[in-house]
């Protein structure tokens, strides 16, 4: 199943490594990973993963990371709605 996150994190040297490590250790495969500097102190991360495990497992672990300022799980149907696809 495919899941997407929007993350705001502190701009520290190891922050991206930590996020990627948690994704891998929790058994999810990375599909997309976009990073942009929102200002000098923070970065915005858009992350899409796939996996069979409960997404709450990954969400909880990412939220525990010290440098994560904000974490938002994007509902699965939000992608279809934003693309203008009707069911």
N, C-alpha and C. Protein backbone atom coordinates (compact mmCIF):
# COMPACT_ATOMS: atom_id res chain seq x y z
N UNK A 1 0.84 -1.18 0.00
CA UNK A 1 0.00 0.00 0.00
C UNK A 1 0.88 1.25 0.00
N UNK A 2 0.45 2.29 -0.68
CA UNK A 2 1.21 3.52 -0.84
C UNK A 2 0.76 4.56 0.18
N UNK A 3 1.74 5.22 0.82
CA UNK A 3 1.46 6.25 1.83
C UNK A 3 2.39 7.44 1.59
N UNK A 4 1.88 8.64 1.87
CA UNK A 4 2.67 9.86 1.69
C UNK A 4 2.71 10.67 2.98
N UNK A 5 3.84 11.31 3.20
CA UNK A 5 4.05 12.17 4.36
C UNK A 5 4.54 13.53 3.91
N UNK A 6 4.13 14.56 4.62
CA UNK A 6 4.74 15.89 4.54
C UNK A 6 5.43 16.10 5.88
N UNK A 7 6.70 16.44 5.83
CA UNK A 7 7.50 16.58 7.04
C UNK A 7 8.21 17.93 7.01
N UNK A 8 8.24 18.59 8.15
CA UNK A 8 9.07 19.78 8.33
C UNK A 8 10.09 19.39 9.39
N UNK A 9 11.37 19.53 9.05
CA UNK A 9 12.43 19.09 9.95
C UNK A 9 13.49 20.18 10.10
N UNK A 10 14.21 20.11 11.20
CA UNK A 10 15.34 21.02 11.41
C UNK A 10 16.43 20.67 10.42
N UNK A 11 17.05 21.69 9.88
CA UNK A 11 18.10 21.51 8.87
C UNK A 11 19.42 21.17 9.56
N UNK A 12 19.62 19.89 9.85
CA UNK A 12 20.83 19.39 10.49
C UNK A 12 21.49 18.39 9.55
N UNK A 13 22.80 18.18 9.67
CA UNK A 13 23.51 17.30 8.76
C UNK A 13 22.97 15.87 8.67
N UNK A 14 22.53 15.29 9.76
CA UNK A 14 22.13 13.88 9.75
C UNK A 14 20.62 13.65 9.69
N UNK A 15 19.83 14.70 9.59
CA UNK A 15 18.38 14.54 9.63
C UNK A 15 17.86 13.66 8.51
N UNK A 16 18.29 13.90 7.28
CA UNK A 16 17.80 13.10 6.15
C UNK A 16 18.21 11.64 6.28
N UNK A 17 19.43 11.40 6.75
CA UNK A 17 19.88 10.03 6.98
C UNK A 17 19.00 9.31 7.98
N UNK A 18 18.65 10.00 9.05
CA UNK A 18 17.81 9.40 10.09
C UNK A 18 16.44 9.04 9.55
N UNK A 19 15.84 9.93 8.77
CA UNK A 19 14.53 9.66 8.19
C UNK A 19 14.60 8.43 7.29
N UNK A 20 15.59 8.38 6.42
CA UNK A 20 15.74 7.24 5.51
C UNK A 20 16.00 5.94 6.26
N UNK A 21 16.79 6.00 7.32
CA UNK A 21 17.08 4.80 8.12
C UNK A 21 15.81 4.26 8.77
N UNK A 22 14.98 5.14 9.31
CA UNK A 22 13.74 4.70 9.95
C UNK A 22 12.82 4.05 8.91
N UNK A 23 12.73 4.63 7.72
CA UNK A 23 11.90 4.05 6.66
C UNK A 23 12.37 2.63 6.35
N UNK A 24 13.66 2.46 6.19
CA UNK A 24 14.22 1.14 5.86
C UNK A 24 14.05 0.15 7.00
N UNK A 25 14.35 0.56 8.21
CA UNK A 25 14.27 -0.34 9.37
C UNK A 25 12.84 -0.78 9.67
N UNK A 26 11.88 0.02 9.31
CA UNK A 26 10.47 -0.32 9.57
C UNK A 26 9.87 -1.13 8.43
N UNK A 27 10.65 -1.46 7.42
CA UNK A 27 10.20 -2.37 6.36
C UNK A 27 9.43 -1.72 5.23
N UNK A 28 9.66 -0.44 4.98
CA UNK A 28 8.98 0.25 3.90
C UNK A 28 9.96 0.54 2.77
N UNK A 29 9.44 0.57 1.55
CA UNK A 29 10.25 0.89 0.37
C UNK A 29 9.98 2.34 -0.03
N UNK A 30 11.03 3.08 -0.26
CA UNK A 30 10.93 4.48 -0.64
C UNK A 30 10.53 4.58 -2.11
N UNK A 31 9.49 5.37 -2.40
CA UNK A 31 9.03 5.60 -3.77
C UNK A 31 9.45 6.98 -4.27
N UNK A 32 9.18 8.01 -3.46
CA UNK A 32 9.61 9.36 -3.80
C UNK A 32 10.16 10.04 -2.55
N UNK A 33 11.10 10.95 -2.77
CA UNK A 33 11.73 11.67 -1.67
C UNK A 33 12.14 13.03 -2.20
N UNK A 34 11.39 14.06 -1.84
CA UNK A 34 11.68 15.43 -2.29
C UNK A 34 12.00 16.30 -1.09
N UNK A 35 13.08 17.05 -1.20
CA UNK A 35 13.51 17.92 -0.10
C UNK A 35 13.71 19.33 -0.65
N UNK A 36 13.20 20.31 0.10
CA UNK A 36 13.44 21.70 -0.26
C UNK A 36 13.66 22.50 1.01
N UNK A 37 14.57 23.45 0.93
CA UNK A 37 14.86 24.30 2.09
C UNK A 37 13.76 25.34 2.21
N UNK A 38 13.01 25.29 3.31
CA UNK A 38 11.96 26.28 3.52
C UNK A 38 12.55 27.58 4.08
N UNK A 39 13.60 27.47 4.85
CA UNK A 39 14.39 28.60 5.32
C UNK A 39 15.74 28.05 5.77
N UNK A 40 16.57 28.87 6.37
CA UNK A 40 17.91 28.42 6.73
C UNK A 40 17.92 27.41 7.87
N UNK A 41 16.84 27.33 8.63
CA UNK A 41 16.81 26.44 9.79
C UNK A 41 15.98 25.18 9.58
N UNK A 42 15.11 25.14 8.56
CA UNK A 42 14.24 23.99 8.37
C UNK A 42 14.19 23.56 6.92
N UNK A 43 13.83 22.29 6.71
CA UNK A 43 13.63 21.74 5.37
C UNK A 43 12.24 21.12 5.31
N UNK A 44 11.65 21.16 4.12
CA UNK A 44 10.37 20.51 3.87
C UNK A 44 10.66 19.22 3.12
N UNK A 45 10.11 18.12 3.60
CA UNK A 45 10.34 16.80 3.00
C UNK A 45 8.99 16.23 2.58
N UNK A 46 8.90 15.80 1.33
CA UNK A 46 7.74 15.06 0.84
C UNK A 46 8.22 13.64 0.59
N UNK A 47 7.56 12.69 1.21
CA UNK A 47 8.03 11.31 1.24
C UNK A 47 6.88 10.38 0.89
N UNK A 48 7.09 9.47 -0.07
CA UNK A 48 6.10 8.45 -0.40
C UNK A 48 6.75 7.09 -0.24
N UNK A 49 6.07 6.20 0.48
CA UNK A 49 6.58 4.86 0.73
C UNK A 49 5.52 3.83 0.39
N UNK A 50 5.97 2.59 0.17
CA UNK A 50 5.05 1.47 0.02
C UNK A 50 5.47 0.39 1.01
N UNK A 51 4.48 -0.40 1.42
CA UNK A 51 4.77 -1.49 2.34
C UNK A 51 3.51 -2.14 2.84
N UNK A 52 3.67 -3.34 3.35
CA UNK A 52 2.54 -4.11 3.86
C UNK A 52 2.32 -3.91 5.36
N UNK A 53 3.28 -3.34 6.04
CA UNK A 53 3.16 -3.14 7.49
C UNK A 53 2.22 -1.98 7.79
N UNK A 54 1.70 -1.92 9.02
CA UNK A 54 0.83 -0.80 9.38
C UNK A 54 1.59 0.53 9.32
N UNK A 55 1.01 1.51 8.66
CA UNK A 55 1.68 2.80 8.49
C UNK A 55 1.86 3.52 9.83
N UNK A 56 1.03 3.20 10.80
CA UNK A 56 1.16 3.82 12.13
C UNK A 56 2.52 3.52 12.75
N UNK A 57 3.08 2.36 12.43
CA UNK A 57 4.41 2.00 12.93
C UNK A 57 5.46 3.00 12.45
N UNK A 58 5.44 3.30 11.17
CA UNK A 58 6.39 4.25 10.61
C UNK A 58 6.10 5.67 11.10
N UNK A 59 4.85 6.04 11.13
CA UNK A 59 4.47 7.38 11.56
C UNK A 59 4.94 7.66 12.99
N UNK A 60 4.75 6.70 13.88
CA UNK A 60 5.16 6.86 15.28
C UNK A 60 6.67 7.02 15.39
N UNK A 61 7.41 6.20 14.66
CA UNK A 61 8.87 6.26 14.74
C UNK A 61 9.43 7.55 14.13
N UNK A 62 8.86 7.99 13.02
CA UNK A 62 9.32 9.26 12.44
C UNK A 62 9.04 10.42 13.38
N UNK A 63 7.88 10.39 14.02
CA UNK A 63 7.51 11.47 14.93
C UNK A 63 8.42 11.53 16.15
N UNK A 64 9.05 10.42 16.51
CA UNK A 64 9.96 10.38 17.66
C UNK A 64 11.33 10.99 17.36
N UNK A 65 11.65 11.16 16.08
CA UNK A 65 12.95 11.73 15.73
C UNK A 65 13.05 13.15 16.25
N UNK A 66 14.17 13.46 16.86
CA UNK A 66 14.37 14.74 17.53
C UNK A 66 14.22 15.93 16.59
N UNK A 67 14.73 15.83 15.39
CA UNK A 67 14.74 16.97 14.47
C UNK A 67 13.46 17.14 13.66
N UNK A 68 12.46 16.29 13.86
CA UNK A 68 11.19 16.43 13.15
C UNK A 68 10.33 17.46 13.88
N UNK A 69 10.03 18.57 13.20
CA UNK A 69 9.22 19.63 13.81
C UNK A 69 7.73 19.39 13.57
N UNK A 70 7.38 18.83 12.40
CA UNK A 70 5.98 18.58 12.05
C UNK A 70 5.92 17.38 11.11
N UNK A 71 4.95 16.50 11.36
CA UNK A 71 4.77 15.31 10.53
C UNK A 71 3.29 15.18 10.20
N UNK A 72 2.99 15.03 8.91
CA UNK A 72 1.60 14.89 8.48
C UNK A 72 1.48 13.71 7.52
N UNK A 73 0.62 12.76 7.84
CA UNK A 73 0.31 11.65 6.95
C UNK A 73 -0.79 12.10 6.01
N UNK A 74 -0.53 12.03 4.72
CA UNK A 74 -1.51 12.44 3.72
C UNK A 74 -2.43 11.25 3.43
N UNK A 75 -3.74 11.43 3.56
CA UNK A 75 -4.66 10.32 3.28
C UNK A 75 -4.49 9.79 1.86
N UNK A 76 -4.67 8.50 1.68
CA UNK A 76 -4.45 7.85 0.38
C UNK A 76 -5.33 8.44 -0.71
N UNK A 77 -6.54 8.84 -0.41
CA UNK A 77 -7.42 9.39 -1.44
C UNK A 77 -7.14 10.85 -1.74
N UNK A 78 -6.28 11.51 -1.00
CA UNK A 78 -5.96 12.92 -1.24
C UNK A 78 -5.22 13.09 -2.56
N UNK A 79 -4.38 12.12 -2.94
CA UNK A 79 -3.66 12.21 -4.20
C UNK A 79 -4.62 12.19 -5.38
N UNK A 80 -5.62 11.32 -5.32
CA UNK A 80 -6.59 11.22 -6.40
C UNK A 80 -7.44 12.48 -6.48
N UNK A 81 -7.80 13.04 -5.34
CA UNK A 81 -8.61 14.25 -5.32
C UNK A 81 -7.84 15.44 -5.86
N UNK A 82 -6.56 15.56 -5.49
CA UNK A 82 -5.77 16.69 -5.96
C UNK A 82 -5.49 16.61 -7.46
N UNK A 83 -5.50 15.40 -8.01
CA UNK A 83 -5.28 15.23 -9.43
C UNK A 83 -6.57 15.42 -10.23
N UNK A 84 -7.69 15.60 -9.54
CA UNK A 84 -8.95 15.81 -10.22
C UNK A 84 -9.60 14.54 -10.71
N UNK A 85 -9.23 13.41 -10.16
CA UNK A 85 -9.80 12.12 -10.56
C UNK A 85 -11.06 11.88 -9.75
N UNK A 86 -12.10 11.48 -10.43
CA UNK A 86 -13.36 11.19 -9.75
C UNK A 86 -13.63 9.70 -9.76
N UNK A 87 -14.11 9.21 -8.62
CA UNK A 87 -14.40 7.77 -8.52
C UNK A 87 -15.81 7.49 -9.00
